[in-house]
Structures are given as C-alpha cells and as structure tokens.
Protein backbone atom coordinates (compact mmCIF):
# COMPACT_ATOMS: atom_id res chain seq x y z
CA UNK A 1 0.00 0.00 0.00
CA UNK A 2 1.44 3.32 -1.07
CA UNK A 3 1.59 5.87 1.71
CA UNK A 4 2.72 9.45 2.00
CA UNK A 5 2.65 10.60 5.61
CA UNK A 6 3.18 14.24 6.48
CA UNK A 7 4.34 15.42 9.89
CA UNK A 8 5.73 18.51 11.57
CA UNK A 9 2.72 20.78 11.43
CA UNK A 10 1.46 22.73 14.39
CA UNK A 11 0.77 26.13 15.86
CA UNK A 12 3.45 28.81 15.62
CA UNK A 13 3.60 32.55 16.09
CA UNK A 14 4.18 34.87 13.19
CA UNK A 15 7.86 35.04 12.36
CA UNK A 16 8.45 31.52 13.58
CA UNK A 17 9.57 28.39 11.75
CA UNK A 18 8.38 24.86 11.16
CA UNK A 19 9.85 21.93 9.28
CA UNK A 20 7.44 19.59 7.54
CA UNK A 21 8.38 16.06 6.59
CA UNK A 22 6.72 13.64 4.20
CA UNK A 23 7.73 10.02 4.45
CA UNK A 24 6.83 7.67 1.63
CA UNK A 25 6.43 3.91 1.62
CA UNK A 26 4.85 1.10 -0.32
CA UNK A 27 6.63 1.59 -3.62
CA UNK A 28 9.70 3.15 -5.09
CA UNK A 29 9.47 6.79 -6.11
CA UNK A 30 12.72 6.65 -8.01
CA UNK A 31 12.64 9.25 -10.74
CA UNK A 32 9.55 10.95 -9.33
CA UNK A 33 9.19 14.60 -8.48
CA UNK A 34 7.83 15.49 -5.09
CA UNK A 35 6.07 18.60 -3.99
CA UNK A 36 4.12 20.49 -1.38
CA UNK A 37 0.71 22.05 -1.81
CA UNK A 38 -1.56 23.79 0.67
CA UNK A 39 -5.20 24.56 1.14
CA UNK A 40 -6.40 27.36 3.36
CA UNK A 41 -9.94 27.43 4.76
CA UNK A 42 -12.42 28.38 2.06
CA UNK A 43 -9.79 28.37 -0.67
CA UNK A 44 -8.62 26.00 -3.33
CA UNK A 45 -5.46 23.98 -3.20
CA UNK A 46 -2.38 25.89 -4.26
CA UNK A 47 1.14 24.95 -5.24
CA UNK A 48 3.91 25.68 -2.74
CA UNK A 49 7.12 24.00 -3.91
CA UNK A 50 8.43 21.04 -5.87
CA UNK A 51 11.72 19.20 -6.35
CA UNK A 52 13.05 16.73 -8.88
CA UNK A 53 14.41 13.29 -8.11
CA UNK A 54 18.06 14.38 -8.10
CA UNK A 55 17.37 17.44 -6.00
CA UNK A 56 17.33 19.82 -8.93
CA UNK A 57 14.41 21.39 -10.77
CA UNK A 58 13.30 23.21 -7.65
CA UNK A 59 10.42 25.63 -7.99
CA UNK A 60 8.55 27.77 -5.47
CA UNK A 61 5.37 29.76 -5.45
CA UNK A 62 6.11 33.47 -5.43
CA UNK A 63 4.39 33.79 -2.08
CA UNK A 64 6.97 31.58 -0.34
CA UNK A 65 10.18 32.34 -2.23
CA UNK A 66 12.98 33.28 0.11
CA UNK A 67 11.12 31.90 3.14
CA UNK A 68 10.55 28.21 2.37
CA UNK A 69 13.08 25.59 1.32
CA UNK A 70 12.23 22.21 -0.13
CA UNK A 71 14.67 19.30 0.04
CA UNK A 72 14.62 15.54 -0.19
CA UNK A 73 16.56 12.58 1.14
CA UNK A 74 16.07 9.68 -1.26
CA UNK A 75 17.82 7.25 1.06
CA UNK A 76 15.10 7.98 3.63
CA UNK A 77 12.29 8.28 1.07
CA UNK A 78 11.44 11.62 2.60
CA UNK A 79 10.84 15.15 1.37
CA UNK A 80 11.07 18.20 3.63
CA UNK A 81 9.74 21.73 3.68
CA UNK A 82 11.59 24.18 5.90
CA UNK A 83 9.32 27.14 6.53
CA UNK A 84 10.78 30.31 8.00
CA UNK A 85 9.31 33.75 8.67
CA UNK A 86 5.84 32.26 8.79
CA UNK A 87 2.90 34.60 8.44
CA UNK A 88 -0.81 34.17 9.23
CA UNK A 89 -1.52 33.84 5.51
CA UNK A 90 0.56 30.66 5.53
CA UNK A 91 -2.11 29.00 7.66
CA UNK A 92 -3.38 25.97 5.76
CA UNK A 93 -3.37 22.22 5.53
CA UNK A 94 -0.15 21.23 3.82
CA UNK A 95 -0.10 18.19 1.55
CA UNK A 96 2.80 16.40 -0.08
CA UNK A 97 2.57 14.79 -3.47
CA UNK A 98 4.73 12.43 -5.50
CA UNK A 99 4.46 11.86 -9.21
CA UNK A 100 6.14 12.01 -12.59
CA UNK A 101 7.61 15.35 -13.57
CA UNK A 102 4.85 16.07 -16.05
CA UNK A 103 2.04 14.90 -13.81
CA UNK A 104 2.92 15.61 -10.20
CA UNK A 105 -0.63 16.44 -9.14
CA UNK A 106 -1.90 13.27 -10.78
CA UNK A 107 0.28 11.07 -8.64
CA UNK A 108 0.13 10.13 -4.99
CA UNK A 109 -0.98 12.34 -2.11
CA UNK A 110 -0.66 12.41 1.63
CA UNK A 111 -3.43 13.17 4.09
CA UNK A 112 -2.09 16.57 5.06
CA UNK A 113 -0.78 18.30 8.16
CA UNK A 114 -2.23 21.46 9.67
CA UNK A 115 -0.08 24.57 9.97
CA UNK A 116 -1.53 27.46 11.94
CA UNK A 117 0.28 30.77 12.26
CA UNK A 118 -0.97 33.20 14.90
CA UNK A 119 -0.28 36.89 15.25
C-alpha cells in the first residue's frame, strides 16, 4: 500500500519556523518529483514547492520564495519543507505529493498536516 505521511505541522507565532516532513512507503518513487501544496480554509489547493528526483528542478510559489526551502533525502524516502518567517496567511493544511515530472498532481498524495500561524 502506497503511503505518504506528512508530519511537523502545528501552531506557531508569526515570524516563527516549522519543518514539515513527508515520508513515503509502499513503492519506489525513483525518478519521481515530489512537492508540497496547501489549502487554506475556504480556498482552493495551491502549489507551494516542488523538487526533482536528483534534488534539482526546484520551484517555489512566489508567495513563499525566500522563506521556504524544499529538500529531499532519497535514502530515507522523505521530502522536507523548511518554513521560515511564517505569516498568518501561511495558515493551511499542507499536503505532499509524488508523481512524474509532467504529472505531479496526478500522482500520490498524503493526508495533510495542519499549519496554523498566529499573530
């Protein structure tokens, strides 16, 4: 059974940091891109960041550039999202995804982890 399990969410004050992790299991994701998306209350899901298999092809949403850093450890089958200088508008459920480069959102998804940023 393929699983993507996010962790590391929580409540943090504005200006604080969190590090999200997404551990995968159940199949190999060799060659797959991985990414992070988020969905705030009452809004649609939006792209946050993605990374290629080799650690290249890194892209960020404009709203998080310079504050968030995506990375992956293929030996641990895990992708990370370091989030610094968090703001209330970053409050959302964060989901990780794994899929082919051309179809990341059509691949596998985790259940999400809540991130809440207070003033």
